[in-house]
Amino acid sequence: MKPPPFEYHAPRDLGEALEILAGAGAGGKVLAGGQSLIPMLNMRIAAPDHLVDINRLGELSSIDAGPGGVTVGALARHAEVERAAPHPLMVRALRLVAHPVIRNRGTVVGSLVHADPAAELPAVLAVLDGSVRLARRADGGPGGVVTRDVPASAFFTGPMESAAEPGELAVSAFFPALPPRTGTAFREVARRHGDYALAGVCAVVTLDEDLHISAARVGCVGVGPVPAVVDVTGACERRPAATVDWPRVAAAVRERAEPDGDVHASAAYRLHLVGVLAEQALKDAAREAAG
């Protein structure tokens, strides 16, 4: 299969890229890793008039870890971020993304903008309360850049839909650091390793000085139109992990799930999975937090 015709652009700096995107409007599409976009072009699910290849924009390939969190540039590949290991939950998620050949080319920010509800990284950004930075050309003319930071809670607007507007480029994503005595976990079920998950859960659990649970959140994969984040701190009742009624906590997660059925799994099976995985992931995260 062949993609529909389009005009190819290869800008050499951010200003030029934003200038092209501003002119292309809704007809512009950004190419970074291309691991989702190229198949969509070939199957003619996507038919942009302009394809803007940002792979020459070396300034967007950074991975910056600081006390407050990790900022990942738009051209940072999955494999590069995994090797850098800047954030434990990101590393756990990246090990579940497709296969090595895909991770060598695919980008973290590209996965976020693609906004597939069955993908791992959107759930990670959501459960961490991260954000995506979007840039556009300033109205004053060429060279000026305007940016805005969109929190994960507002960034994912529907299946394969994000808050990025025509003319905007996602230049980076920010993943907040974890507080002390915090553990993370990621559990999912896929038909084969590397496939999209039938359902998945990432968990973040924080303990206080007495090793009682002070915060617990889960992000759900593949059981709704966008990554669902469920705060289960109240259900944990600030108890030590060993005395928490984990099945009741998992039931609170199931109540928030809105899975659809398809040829791979029924909605009922996905709903069952998210409860089982939530219980497992929360236990894993609490165990890690306790050290």
Protein backbone atom coordinates (compact mmCIF):
# COMPACT_ATOMS: atom_id res chain seq x y z
CA MET A 1 0.00 0.00 0.00
CA LYS A 2 1.12 3.54 -0.70
CA PRO A 3 0.34 6.77 1.14
CA PRO A 4 -1.72 9.51 -0.51
CA PRO A 5 0.27 12.34 -2.08
CA PHE A 6 1.68 15.00 0.25
CA GLU A 7 4.27 17.76 0.22
CA TYR A 8 7.38 16.80 2.20
CA HIS A 9 9.22 19.35 4.36
CA ALA A 10 12.51 18.92 6.21
CA PRO A 11 13.04 22.04 8.36
CA ARG A 12 16.47 22.59 9.89
CA ASP A 13 15.45 24.58 12.97
CA LEU A 14 12.42 25.00 15.20
CA GLY A 15 11.46 28.37 13.77
CA GLU A 16 11.32 26.98 10.24
CA ALA A 17 9.28 23.99 11.41
CA LEU A 18 6.73 26.20 13.14
CA GLU A 19 6.56 28.48 10.10
CA ILE A 20 5.69 25.50 7.89
CA LEU A 21 3.14 24.16 10.37
CA ALA A 22 1.51 27.57 10.65
CA GLY A 23 1.08 27.67 6.89
CA ALA A 24 -0.13 24.09 6.66
CA GLY A 25 -2.81 24.47 9.33
CA ALA A 26 -5.03 21.43 9.74
CA GLY A 27 -3.39 19.86 6.67
CA GLY A 28 -0.01 19.50 8.39
CA LYS A 29 1.31 16.38 10.11
CA VAL A 30 4.56 16.02 12.04
CA LEU A 31 6.94 13.11 11.42
CA ALA A 32 9.28 12.20 14.30
CA GLY A 33 9.65 8.46 14.91
CA GLY A 34 6.91 7.56 12.45
CA GLN A 35 6.19 4.15 13.97
CA SER A 36 2.47 4.90 14.10
CA LEU A 37 2.21 7.60 11.44
CA ILE A 38 3.81 5.70 8.55
CA PRO A 39 1.43 2.70 8.81
CA MET A 40 -1.50 5.12 9.08
CA LEU A 41 -0.32 6.89 5.92
CA ASN A 42 0.10 3.62 4.05
CA MET A 43 -3.36 2.46 5.08
CA ARG A 44 -4.69 5.93 4.24
CA ILE A 45 -6.12 6.40 7.69
CA ALA A 46 -4.18 9.68 7.69
CA ALA A 47 -3.97 11.88 4.59
CA PRO A 48 -2.10 15.12 5.35
CA ASP A 49 -1.36 17.68 2.68
CA HIS A 50 2.01 18.48 4.29
CA LEU A 51 4.39 16.14 6.12
CA VAL A 52 6.84 18.03 8.35
CA ASP A 53 9.88 15.89 9.19
CA ILE A 54 11.47 17.25 12.38
CA ASN A 55 14.34 14.73 12.57
CA ARG A 56 16.93 17.41 11.75
CA LEU A 57 15.97 19.45 14.82
CA GLY A 58 18.72 18.20 17.12
CA GLU A 59 17.74 20.62 19.88
CA LEU A 60 14.62 18.50 20.47
CA SER A 61 16.49 15.28 21.31
CA SER A 62 17.38 16.12 24.92
CA ILE A 63 16.62 14.13 28.07
CA ASP A 64 17.00 16.42 31.09
CA ALA A 65 16.61 14.98 34.58
CA GLY A 66 16.50 17.32 37.56
CA PRO A 67 15.23 17.36 41.15
CA GLY A 68 11.73 18.25 40.00
CA GLY A 69 11.38 15.68 37.25
CA VAL A 70 12.37 14.69 33.74
CA THR A 71 11.90 16.71 30.56
CA VAL A 72 11.98 14.62 27.39
CA GLY A 73 12.44 16.33 24.03
CA ALA A 74 10.32 15.54 21.00
CA LEU A 75 13.08 13.53 19.29
CA ALA A 76 14.19 11.46 22.30
CA ARG A 77 13.70 7.82 21.25
CA HIS A 78 12.11 5.21 23.47
CA ALA A 79 15.36 3.23 23.62
CA GLU A 80 17.42 6.32 24.53
CA VAL A 81 15.11 7.20 27.39
CA GLU A 82 15.05 3.60 28.58
CA ARG A 83 18.87 3.48 28.65
CA ALA A 84 19.09 6.84 30.42
CA ALA A 85 16.66 5.50 33.08
CA PRO A 86 15.67 8.99 34.26
CA HIS A 87 12.43 7.86 35.94
CA PRO A 88 11.57 4.39 37.29
CA LEU A 89 7.96 4.32 36.09
CA MET A 90 8.95 5.48 32.60
CA VAL A 91 11.52 2.69 32.37
CA ARG A 92 8.95 0.08 33.43
CA ALA A 93 6.53 1.35 30.81
CA LEU A 94 9.09 1.57 28.00
CA ARG A 95 10.10 -2.06 28.47
CA LEU A 96 6.53 -2.97 27.54
CA VAL A 97 6.38 -0.82 24.39
CA ALA A 98 6.35 -2.95 21.23
CA HIS A 99 9.73 -4.45 20.25
CA PRO A 100 13.36 -3.18 20.25
CA VAL A 101 13.28 -2.16 16.59
CA ILE A 102 10.23 0.02 17.29
CA ARG A 103 11.74 1.48 20.46
CA ASN A 104 14.92 2.38 18.56
CA ARG A 105 12.97 4.73 16.34
CA GLY A 106 9.74 5.66 18.12
CA THR A 107 9.66 8.75 20.34
CA VAL A 108 8.18 9.31 23.79
CA VAL A 109 6.53 12.61 22.86
CA GLY A 110 5.24 11.14 19.60
CA SER A 111 3.49 8.40 21.56
CA LEU A 112 1.86 11.01 23.77
CA VAL A 113 0.61 13.07 20.83
CA HIS A 114 -0.65 9.94 19.10
CA ALA A 115 -2.84 9.52 22.21
CA ASP A 116 -3.68 5.86 21.77
CA PRO A 117 -5.61 4.86 24.92
CA ALA A 118 -4.01 1.38 24.69
CA ALA A 119 -0.47 2.82 24.85
CA GLU A 120 1.61 2.81 28.03
CA LEU A 121 3.19 6.27 28.06
CA PRO A 122 -0.02 8.35 28.10
CA ALA A 123 -1.05 6.50 31.28
CA VAL A 124 2.36 7.20 32.84
CA LEU A 125 2.15 10.92 32.08
CA ALA A 126 -1.41 11.02 33.43
CA VAL A 127 -0.75 9.18 36.69
CA LEU A 128 2.28 11.41 37.39
CA ASP A 129 0.35 14.62 36.64
CA GLY A 130 2.84 15.48 33.93
CA SER A 131 2.45 17.90 31.04
CA VAL A 132 3.23 18.44 27.37
CA ARG A 133 4.77 21.65 26.02
CA LEU A 134 3.31 22.86 22.73
CA ALA A 135 4.96 25.50 20.56
CA ARG A 136 3.64 27.62 17.71
CA ARG A 137 4.82 30.53 15.63
CA ALA A 138 4.26 33.89 17.30
CA ASP A 139 1.75 36.11 15.54
CA GLY A 140 4.40 38.79 15.14
CA GLY A 141 6.09 36.96 12.27
CA PRO A 142 8.89 34.49 11.51
CA GLY A 143 11.32 33.60 14.29
CA GLY A 144 9.02 34.21 17.26
CA VAL A 145 7.85 31.23 19.28
CA VAL A 146 4.95 30.95 21.71
CA THR A 147 4.69 27.95 24.03
CA ARG A 148 2.04 26.60 26.38
CA ASP A 149 2.17 23.73 28.85
CA VAL A 150 -0.87 21.45 28.85
CA PRO A 151 -1.39 19.15 31.86
CA ALA A 152 -2.02 15.50 31.11
CA SER A 153 -5.55 15.79 32.49
CA ALA A 154 -6.38 18.20 29.65
CA PHE A 155 -4.00 16.92 26.97
CA PHE A 156 -5.73 13.63 26.12
CA THR A 157 -9.13 14.56 24.72
CA GLY A 158 -10.27 11.29 23.11
CA PRO A 159 -9.06 8.17 21.31
CA MET A 160 -6.15 9.30 19.10
CA GLU A 161 -6.98 12.92 19.95
CA SER A 162 -4.95 15.43 21.91
CA ALA A 163 -5.06 19.11 22.79
CA ALA A 164 -2.41 19.92 20.16
CA GLU A 165 -3.97 22.36 17.71
CA PRO A 166 -3.22 22.90 14.01
CA GLY A 167 0.06 24.78 13.69
CA GLU A 168 1.39 23.52 17.03
CA LEU A 169 4.33 21.21 17.64
CA ALA A 170 4.79 19.19 20.82
CA VAL A 171 8.40 20.02 21.69
CA SER A 172 8.74 18.21 25.03
CA ALA A 173 6.99 16.38 27.85
CA PHE A 174 7.57 16.73 31.58
CA PHE A 175 7.35 13.77 33.96
CA PRO A 176 7.40 14.91 37.64
CA ALA A 177 9.81 13.28 40.07
CA LEU A 178 8.56 10.91 42.74
CA PRO A 179 8.48 11.88 46.43
CA PRO A 180 10.57 9.96 48.98
CA ARG A 181 9.33 6.50 50.00
CA THR A 182 7.45 6.08 46.74
CA GLY A 183 7.19 2.89 44.74
CA THR A 184 5.91 2.29 41.21
CA ALA A 185 4.69 -0.67 39.21
CA PHE A 186 3.30 -1.46 35.77
CA ARG A 187 1.19 -4.50 34.98
CA GLU A 188 -0.52 -5.36 31.71
CA VAL A 189 -1.90 -8.29 29.77
CA ALA A 190 -1.30 -8.60 26.02
CA ARG A 191 -1.99 -11.49 23.68
CA ARG A 192 1.69 -11.52 22.70
CA HIS A 193 4.68 -9.65 24.07
CA GLY A 194 4.92 -6.33 22.27
CA ASP A 195 1.25 -6.18 21.30
CA TYR A 196 -0.97 -3.44 22.60
CA ALA A 197 -2.32 -4.41 26.00
CA LEU A 198 -5.83 -5.76 26.40
CA ALA A 199 -5.70 -3.86 29.69
CA GLY A 200 -2.98 -2.41 31.86
CA VAL A 201 -2.40 -0.50 35.08
CA CYS A 202 0.47 1.63 36.36
CA ALA A 203 0.55 2.42 40.07
CA VAL A 204 2.30 4.98 42.27
CA VAL A 205 2.23 4.49 46.04
CA THR A 206 3.81 6.77 48.67
CA LEU A 207 4.34 5.87 52.33
CA ASP A 208 4.67 8.21 55.30
CA GLU A 209 7.38 7.96 57.96
CA ASP A 210 5.40 5.26 59.77
CA LEU A 211 5.16 3.26 56.51
CA HIS A 212 1.43 3.87 56.22
CA ILE A 213 0.06 4.62 52.75
CA SER A 214 -0.21 8.40 52.36
CA ALA A 215 -0.96 8.49 48.61
CA ALA A 216 -1.93 5.93 45.99
CA ARG A 217 -2.89 6.45 42.35
CA VAL A 218 -3.33 4.22 39.36
CA GLY A 219 -3.42 4.98 35.65
CA CYS A 220 -5.44 2.64 33.46
CA VAL A 221 -4.52 1.52 29.94
CA GLY A 222 -6.97 0.31 27.32
CA VAL A 223 -10.17 0.59 29.36
CA GLY A 224 -11.50 3.97 28.26
CA PRO A 225 -11.22 6.64 25.57
CA VAL A 226 -8.38 8.36 27.44
CA PRO A 227 -6.03 7.22 30.24
CA ALA A 228 -8.16 7.04 33.40
CA VAL A 229 -6.44 8.07 36.62
CA VAL A 230 -7.96 6.86 39.88
CA ASP A 231 -6.86 8.22 43.24
CA VAL A 232 -7.36 5.37 45.72
CA THR A 233 -5.70 7.04 48.71
CA GLY A 234 -8.98 7.17 50.60
CA ALA A 235 -9.72 3.51 49.97
CA CYS A 236 -6.31 2.62 51.47
CA GLU A 237 -7.33 4.38 54.72
CA ARG A 238 -3.73 5.34 55.52
CA ARG A 239 -3.05 1.80 56.61
CA PRO A 240 0.19 -0.18 56.36
CA ALA A 241 0.22 -2.05 53.04
CA ALA A 242 -0.12 -5.41 54.79
CA THR A 243 -3.50 -4.46 56.28
CA VAL A 244 -5.07 -2.72 53.26
CA ASP A 245 -8.18 -4.34 51.80
CA TRP A 246 -6.68 -4.52 48.32
CA PRO A 247 -9.68 -6.21 46.64
CA ARG A 248 -11.87 -3.31 47.80
CA VAL A 249 -9.32 -0.82 46.47
CA ALA A 250 -9.23 -2.64 43.12
CA ALA A 251 -13.04 -2.50 42.99
CA ALA A 252 -12.80 1.29 43.19
CA VAL A 253 -10.57 1.21 40.11
CA ARG A 254 -12.99 -1.03 38.19
CA GLU A 255 -15.80 1.43 38.89
CA ARG A 256 -13.93 4.09 36.92
CA ALA A 257 -13.12 1.91 33.92
CA GLU A 258 -15.16 2.23 30.72
CA PRO A 259 -13.85 -0.55 28.48
CA ASP A 260 -15.17 -1.42 25.04
CA GLY A 261 -15.27 -4.90 23.59
CA ASP A 262 -13.69 -5.86 20.28
CA VAL A 263 -12.36 -8.90 18.44
CA HIS A 264 -9.52 -9.22 20.96
CA ALA A 265 -11.46 -9.12 24.23
CA SER A 266 -14.92 -8.40 25.56
CA ALA A 267 -15.66 -5.36 27.70
CA ALA A 268 -16.42 -7.67 30.64
CA TYR A 269 -13.04 -9.38 30.35
CA ARG A 270 -11.20 -6.06 30.18
CA LEU A 271 -13.11 -4.87 33.24
CA HIS A 272 -12.09 -8.02 35.10
CA LEU A 273 -8.47 -7.59 34.01
CA VAL A 274 -8.17 -4.00 35.18
CA GLY A 275 -9.29 -5.00 38.68
CA VAL A 276 -6.83 -7.90 38.90
CA LEU A 277 -3.98 -5.81 37.51
CA ALA A 278 -4.77 -2.86 39.78
CA GLU A 279 -4.51 -5.06 42.85
CA GLN A 280 -1.24 -6.57 41.68
CA ALA A 281 0.32 -3.25 40.66
CA LEU A 282 -0.64 -1.48 43.89
CA LYS A 283 0.82 -4.29 45.97
CA ASP A 284 4.03 -4.21 43.91
CA ALA A 285 4.34 -0.42 44.27
CA ALA A 286 3.67 -0.51 48.03
CA ARG A 287 6.26 -3.26 48.45
CA GLU A 288 8.86 -1.22 46.57
CA ALA A 289 8.03 1.91 48.59
CA ALA A 290 8.63 0.00 51.82
CA GLY A 291 12.09 -0.86 50.55
